N, C-alpha and C. Protein backbone atom coordinates (compact mmCIF):
# COMPACT_ATOMS: atom_id res chain seq x y z
N MET A 1 -14.76 -3.37 2.84
CA MET A 1 -14.13 -4.54 3.42
C MET A 1 -12.61 -4.23 3.33
N LYS A 2 -12.00 -5.11 4.08
CA LYS A 2 -10.53 -5.04 4.02
C LYS A 2 -9.92 -6.33 3.36
N VAL A 3 -8.88 -6.18 2.74
CA VAL A 3 -8.13 -7.27 2.25
C VAL A 3 -6.69 -7.25 2.76
N HIS A 4 -6.12 -8.33 3.20
CA HIS A 4 -4.94 -8.40 4.09
C HIS A 4 -3.76 -8.96 3.22
N PHE A 5 -2.58 -8.36 3.28
CA PHE A 5 -1.40 -8.91 2.62
C PHE A 5 -0.24 -9.16 3.68
N LEU A 6 0.09 -10.52 3.62
CA LEU A 6 1.09 -10.91 4.59
C LEU A 6 2.45 -10.44 3.99
N MET A 7 3.16 -9.74 4.86
CA MET A 7 4.51 -9.21 4.37
C MET A 7 5.66 -9.96 4.99
N GLU A 8 6.74 -10.09 4.29
CA GLU A 8 7.94 -10.63 4.81
C GLU A 8 8.89 -9.78 4.60
N SER A 9 9.75 -9.42 5.60
CA SER A 9 10.94 -8.56 5.44
C SER A 9 12.00 -9.21 4.67
N ASP A 10 12.67 -8.08 3.89
CA ASP A 10 13.73 -8.58 2.92
C ASP A 10 15.04 -8.42 3.78
N GLU A 11 16.19 -8.42 3.13
CA GLU A 11 17.39 -8.34 3.89
C GLU A 11 17.66 -6.89 4.39
N ASP A 12 17.03 -5.89 3.77
CA ASP A 12 17.20 -4.53 4.17
C ASP A 12 16.20 -4.30 5.29
N GLY A 13 15.20 -5.07 5.70
CA GLY A 13 14.23 -4.87 6.75
C GLY A 13 12.88 -4.33 6.21
N TRP A 14 12.74 -4.29 4.80
CA TRP A 14 11.52 -3.84 4.18
C TRP A 14 10.65 -5.04 4.04
N ALA A 15 9.64 -5.15 4.41
CA ALA A 15 8.61 -4.06 4.91
C ALA A 15 8.71 -3.83 6.37
N PRO A 16 8.26 -2.74 6.91
CA PRO A 16 8.40 -2.58 8.35
C PRO A 16 7.30 -3.13 9.22
N VAL A 17 6.37 -3.81 8.45
CA VAL A 17 5.18 -4.40 9.16
C VAL A 17 5.05 -5.77 8.69
N GLY A 18 4.32 -6.57 9.42
CA GLY A 18 4.03 -8.01 9.12
C GLY A 18 2.73 -8.24 8.16
N VAL A 19 1.78 -7.34 8.33
CA VAL A 19 0.61 -7.43 7.56
C VAL A 19 0.20 -5.96 7.28
N GLU A 20 -0.13 -5.71 6.03
CA GLU A 20 -0.85 -4.56 5.65
C GLU A 20 -2.22 -4.90 5.06
N SER A 21 -3.22 -4.00 5.47
CA SER A 21 -4.58 -4.10 5.10
C SER A 21 -4.93 -2.92 4.18
N LEU A 22 -5.74 -3.30 3.08
CA LEU A 22 -6.24 -2.12 2.14
C LEU A 22 -7.73 -2.36 2.15
N TRP A 23 -8.30 -1.15 1.83
CA TRP A 23 -9.77 -1.19 1.73
C TRP A 23 -9.95 -1.77 0.16
N ALA A 24 -11.10 -2.46 0.14
CA ALA A 24 -11.30 -3.05 -1.26
C ALA A 24 -12.84 -3.13 -1.34
N ILE A 25 -13.17 -3.40 -2.57
CA ILE A 25 -14.66 -3.55 -3.02
C ILE A 25 -14.85 -4.99 -3.51
N ASP A 26 -15.86 -5.68 -2.99
CA ASP A 26 -15.89 -6.97 -3.28
C ASP A 26 -16.60 -7.15 -4.47
N LEU A 27 -16.09 -7.95 -5.56
CA LEU A 27 -16.49 -8.16 -6.92
C LEU A 27 -17.24 -9.37 -7.14
N GLY A 28 -17.25 -10.26 -6.01
CA GLY A 28 -17.82 -11.67 -6.11
C GLY A 28 -16.68 -12.57 -6.74
N ASN A 29 -17.07 -13.97 -6.77
CA ASN A 29 -16.16 -14.82 -7.26
C ASN A 29 -14.85 -14.80 -6.77
N ASP A 30 -14.64 -14.52 -5.32
CA ASP A 30 -13.36 -14.42 -4.60
C ASP A 30 -12.46 -13.41 -5.26
N THR A 31 -13.04 -12.25 -5.78
CA THR A 31 -12.24 -11.20 -6.25
C THR A 31 -12.61 -10.00 -5.67
N VAL A 32 -11.70 -9.07 -5.55
CA VAL A 32 -11.95 -7.64 -4.98
C VAL A 32 -11.11 -6.60 -5.88
N ARG A 33 -11.52 -5.28 -5.82
CA ARG A 33 -10.89 -4.32 -6.48
C ARG A 33 -10.27 -3.47 -5.31
N SER A 34 -8.96 -3.27 -5.30
CA SER A 34 -8.29 -2.49 -4.25
C SER A 34 -8.78 -1.01 -4.34
N ASP A 35 -9.08 -0.54 -3.10
CA ASP A 35 -9.70 0.94 -3.25
C ASP A 35 -8.89 2.01 -2.46
N ASN A 36 -7.70 1.66 -2.30
CA ASN A 36 -6.74 2.67 -1.71
C ASN A 36 -5.18 2.26 -2.03
N THR A 37 -4.35 3.17 -1.87
CA THR A 37 -3.02 2.88 -2.21
C THR A 37 -2.24 2.27 -1.20
N PRO A 38 -1.43 1.04 -1.33
CA PRO A 38 -0.75 0.58 -0.27
C PRO A 38 0.52 1.34 0.06
N TRP A 39 0.78 1.23 1.48
CA TRP A 39 1.97 1.94 1.95
C TRP A 39 3.16 0.98 1.62
N PHE A 40 3.05 -0.16 1.84
CA PHE A 40 4.10 -1.03 1.92
C PHE A 40 4.16 -2.31 0.83
N VAL A 41 3.03 -2.72 0.38
CA VAL A 41 2.88 -3.84 -0.47
C VAL A 41 3.38 -3.41 -1.81
N ARG A 42 4.29 -4.32 -2.40
CA ARG A 42 4.80 -4.01 -3.61
C ARG A 42 3.99 -4.70 -4.68
N GLY A 43 3.88 -4.13 -5.96
CA GLY A 43 3.32 -4.80 -7.05
C GLY A 43 1.81 -4.57 -7.02
N VAL A 44 1.27 -3.69 -6.30
CA VAL A 44 -0.17 -3.46 -6.21
C VAL A 44 -0.51 -2.02 -6.18
N ALA A 45 -1.47 -1.64 -6.95
CA ALA A 45 -1.93 -0.22 -6.99
C ALA A 45 -3.45 -0.19 -6.76
N SER A 46 -3.97 0.90 -6.48
CA SER A 46 -5.24 1.32 -6.49
C SER A 46 -6.10 0.91 -7.66
N ASP A 47 -7.14 0.15 -7.48
CA ASP A 47 -7.97 -0.25 -8.62
C ASP A 47 -7.60 -1.66 -9.28
N ASP A 48 -6.58 -2.17 -8.82
CA ASP A 48 -6.10 -3.56 -9.22
C ASP A 48 -7.24 -4.46 -8.78
N ILE A 49 -7.48 -5.47 -9.62
CA ILE A 49 -8.45 -6.48 -9.17
C ILE A 49 -7.54 -7.64 -8.77
N LEU A 50 -7.93 -8.16 -7.54
CA LEU A 50 -7.19 -9.19 -6.92
C LEU A 50 -7.80 -10.35 -6.52
N ARG A 51 -7.29 -11.55 -6.61
CA ARG A 51 -8.05 -12.85 -6.09
C ARG A 51 -7.78 -12.89 -4.61
N VAL A 52 -8.86 -13.29 -3.73
CA VAL A 52 -8.54 -13.37 -2.40
C VAL A 52 -9.00 -14.74 -1.84
N GLU A 53 -8.34 -15.26 -0.91
CA GLU A 53 -8.72 -16.37 -0.14
C GLU A 53 -9.25 -15.98 1.29
N ILE A 54 -10.25 -16.53 1.56
CA ILE A 54 -10.97 -16.32 2.95
C ILE A 54 -10.66 -17.46 3.83
N ASP A 55 -10.00 -17.06 4.97
CA ASP A 55 -9.65 -17.99 6.07
C ASP A 55 -10.93 -18.53 6.94
N ASP A 56 -10.66 -19.26 7.99
CA ASP A 56 -11.66 -19.78 8.86
C ASP A 56 -12.26 -18.70 9.74
N GLU A 57 -11.53 -17.58 9.81
CA GLU A 57 -12.04 -16.74 10.60
C GLU A 57 -12.67 -15.45 9.76
N GLY A 58 -12.79 -15.78 8.56
CA GLY A 58 -13.42 -14.74 7.64
C GLY A 58 -12.58 -13.58 7.09
N VAL A 59 -11.10 -13.72 7.37
CA VAL A 59 -10.34 -12.68 6.91
C VAL A 59 -9.87 -13.06 5.48
N ARG A 60 -10.02 -11.91 4.66
CA ARG A 60 -9.63 -11.93 3.15
C ARG A 60 -8.06 -11.78 3.10
N TRP A 61 -7.44 -12.74 2.38
CA TRP A 61 -6.05 -12.60 2.26
C TRP A 61 -5.81 -12.49 0.73
N ALA A 62 -4.94 -11.57 0.39
CA ALA A 62 -4.65 -11.21 -0.98
C ALA A 62 -3.88 -12.26 -1.79
N GLY A 63 -4.31 -12.70 -2.85
CA GLY A 63 -3.54 -13.53 -3.64
C GLY A 63 -3.01 -12.91 -4.89
N GLN A 64 -3.03 -13.49 -6.02
CA GLN A 64 -2.60 -12.97 -7.29
C GLN A 64 -3.38 -11.81 -7.88
N THR A 65 -2.69 -10.85 -8.53
CA THR A 65 -3.42 -9.94 -9.45
C THR A 65 -4.12 -10.47 -10.50
N VAL A 66 -5.41 -10.37 -10.57
CA VAL A 66 -6.19 -10.99 -11.81
C VAL A 66 -6.22 -9.88 -12.92
N GLN A 67 -6.17 -8.65 -12.60
CA GLN A 67 -6.40 -7.51 -13.64
C GLN A 67 -5.67 -6.26 -13.06
N ALA A 68 -4.61 -5.87 -13.58
CA ALA A 68 -3.85 -4.66 -13.21
C ALA A 68 -4.72 -3.47 -13.69
N SER A 69 -4.81 -2.25 -13.00
CA SER A 69 -5.63 -1.22 -13.32
C SER A 69 -4.90 -0.28 -14.15
N GLY A 70 -3.67 -0.30 -14.34
CA GLY A 70 -2.89 0.63 -15.05
C GLY A 70 -2.43 1.81 -14.27
N ASN A 71 -2.80 1.67 -12.98
CA ASN A 71 -2.28 2.72 -11.95
C ASN A 71 -1.00 2.22 -11.52
N CYS A 72 -0.18 3.16 -10.88
CA CYS A 72 1.11 2.71 -10.28
C CYS A 72 1.03 3.21 -8.95
N THR A 73 1.98 2.66 -8.14
CA THR A 73 2.28 3.22 -6.77
C THR A 73 3.63 3.63 -6.82
N ILE A 74 3.70 4.95 -6.43
CA ILE A 74 5.19 5.47 -6.24
C ILE A 74 5.49 5.72 -4.84
N ARG A 75 6.51 5.22 -4.23
CA ARG A 75 6.84 5.08 -2.92
C ARG A 75 8.22 5.91 -2.76
N LEU A 76 8.13 7.09 -2.00
CA LEU A 76 9.16 7.91 -1.78
C LEU A 76 9.46 8.06 -0.38
N ILE A 77 10.77 7.90 0.07
CA ILE A 77 11.14 8.16 1.45
C ILE A 77 11.92 9.50 1.36
N VAL A 78 11.32 10.32 2.09
CA VAL A 78 11.87 11.77 2.17
C VAL A 78 12.86 11.77 3.32
N MET A 79 14.01 12.15 2.94
CA MET A 79 15.26 12.30 3.83
C MET A 79 15.48 13.62 4.20
N LYS A 80 15.13 14.62 3.44
CA LYS A 80 15.46 16.07 3.54
C LYS A 80 14.89 16.42 5.00
N ASP A 81 15.54 17.17 5.77
CA ASP A 81 15.26 17.74 7.00
C ASP A 81 14.83 16.51 7.92
N GLY A 82 15.35 15.39 7.83
CA GLY A 82 15.03 14.28 8.67
C GLY A 82 13.53 13.71 8.34
N GLY A 83 13.13 13.97 7.18
CA GLY A 83 11.93 13.44 6.85
C GLY A 83 10.63 14.29 7.51
N SER A 84 10.96 15.48 7.87
CA SER A 84 10.04 16.29 8.55
C SER A 84 8.59 16.42 7.84
N ASP A 85 7.57 16.71 8.59
CA ASP A 85 6.23 16.99 7.98
C ASP A 85 6.39 18.02 6.73
N ALA A 86 6.98 19.06 7.15
CA ALA A 86 7.24 20.09 5.83
C ALA A 86 7.93 19.59 4.61
N ALA A 87 8.99 18.75 4.85
CA ALA A 87 9.47 18.15 3.60
C ALA A 87 8.63 17.13 3.02
N ARG A 88 8.00 16.35 3.72
CA ARG A 88 6.95 15.53 3.01
C ARG A 88 5.91 16.28 2.22
N GLN A 89 5.35 17.36 3.04
CA GLN A 89 4.36 18.07 2.40
C GLN A 89 4.64 18.67 0.98
N THR A 90 5.96 19.28 0.93
CA THR A 90 6.65 19.78 -0.24
C THR A 90 6.51 18.88 -1.33
N MET A 91 7.05 17.62 -0.99
CA MET A 91 7.02 16.62 -2.00
C MET A 91 5.61 16.16 -2.49
N LEU A 92 4.62 16.18 -1.57
CA LEU A 92 3.19 15.84 -1.98
C LEU A 92 2.63 16.94 -2.95
N GLU A 93 2.91 18.19 -2.57
CA GLU A 93 2.52 19.36 -3.32
C GLU A 93 3.15 19.30 -4.72
N THR A 94 4.45 18.88 -4.91
CA THR A 94 5.08 18.84 -6.23
C THR A 94 4.39 17.70 -7.02
N PHE A 95 4.05 16.60 -6.41
CA PHE A 95 3.41 15.58 -7.21
C PHE A 95 2.00 16.03 -7.49
N HIS A 96 1.28 16.71 -6.68
CA HIS A 96 -0.21 17.14 -6.74
C HIS A 96 -0.13 18.11 -8.06
N ARG A 97 0.98 19.00 -8.25
CA ARG A 97 0.97 19.86 -9.36
C ARG A 97 1.03 19.02 -10.76
N LEU A 98 1.52 17.81 -10.60
CA LEU A 98 1.55 16.96 -11.74
C LEU A 98 0.29 16.07 -12.06
N GLY A 99 -0.73 16.32 -11.18
CA GLY A 99 -1.92 15.65 -11.39
C GLY A 99 -2.21 14.43 -10.58
N THR A 100 -1.32 14.23 -9.63
CA THR A 100 -1.53 13.02 -8.86
C THR A 100 -2.05 13.20 -7.58
N THR A 101 -2.42 12.12 -6.79
CA THR A 101 -2.70 12.30 -5.50
C THR A 101 -1.74 11.56 -4.54
N GLY A 102 -1.71 11.85 -3.28
CA GLY A 102 -0.64 11.11 -2.41
C GLY A 102 -0.96 11.42 -0.96
N GLU A 103 -0.40 10.65 -0.15
CA GLU A 103 -0.31 10.76 1.41
C GLU A 103 1.12 10.61 1.70
N GLY A 104 1.24 11.02 3.03
CA GLY A 104 2.53 10.76 3.63
C GLY A 104 2.42 10.39 5.06
N ILE A 105 3.38 9.45 5.48
CA ILE A 105 3.41 9.02 6.89
C ILE A 105 4.79 9.16 7.28
N GLU A 106 4.89 9.14 8.67
CA GLU A 106 6.25 9.24 9.41
C GLU A 106 6.66 7.79 9.72
N LEU A 107 7.85 7.35 9.20
CA LEU A 107 8.37 6.09 9.53
C LEU A 107 9.39 6.32 10.57
N ARG A 108 9.29 5.73 11.71
CA ARG A 108 10.20 5.72 12.78
C ARG A 108 10.99 4.56 12.98
N ALA A 109 12.12 4.52 13.36
CA ALA A 109 13.11 3.27 13.48
C ALA A 109 12.56 2.63 14.78
N ALA A 110 12.55 1.37 14.67
CA ALA A 110 12.27 0.63 16.00
C ALA A 110 13.27 0.88 16.97
N PRO A 111 12.91 0.93 18.26
CA PRO A 111 13.92 1.10 19.25
C PRO A 111 14.84 -0.11 19.45
N ASP A 112 16.07 -0.04 19.84
CA ASP A 112 17.02 -0.97 19.77
C ASP A 112 16.76 -1.85 21.19
């Protein structure tokens, strides 16, 4: 299932999206365990247990963290070579050697 996070942009324009959705596992009693790492949501990591509220359309919206997993989310913005695929891959491989997992995406500036 998906759990949705309503995002508000700060004075620097972060986050670049209005809503982020994460995969989650339903634990019952209006709680879920996050099942992937967020791109943009701050303060949440994979395997955290979250309270959810279900709206009239059946959409699950994230609330407070009930239990932190002990995992962390590290967000890097790669500037080398303009954030090229090769530069991102080099960073991912560096972290992989440290025993972590990761993914990379290309963030593009919105057109003026």
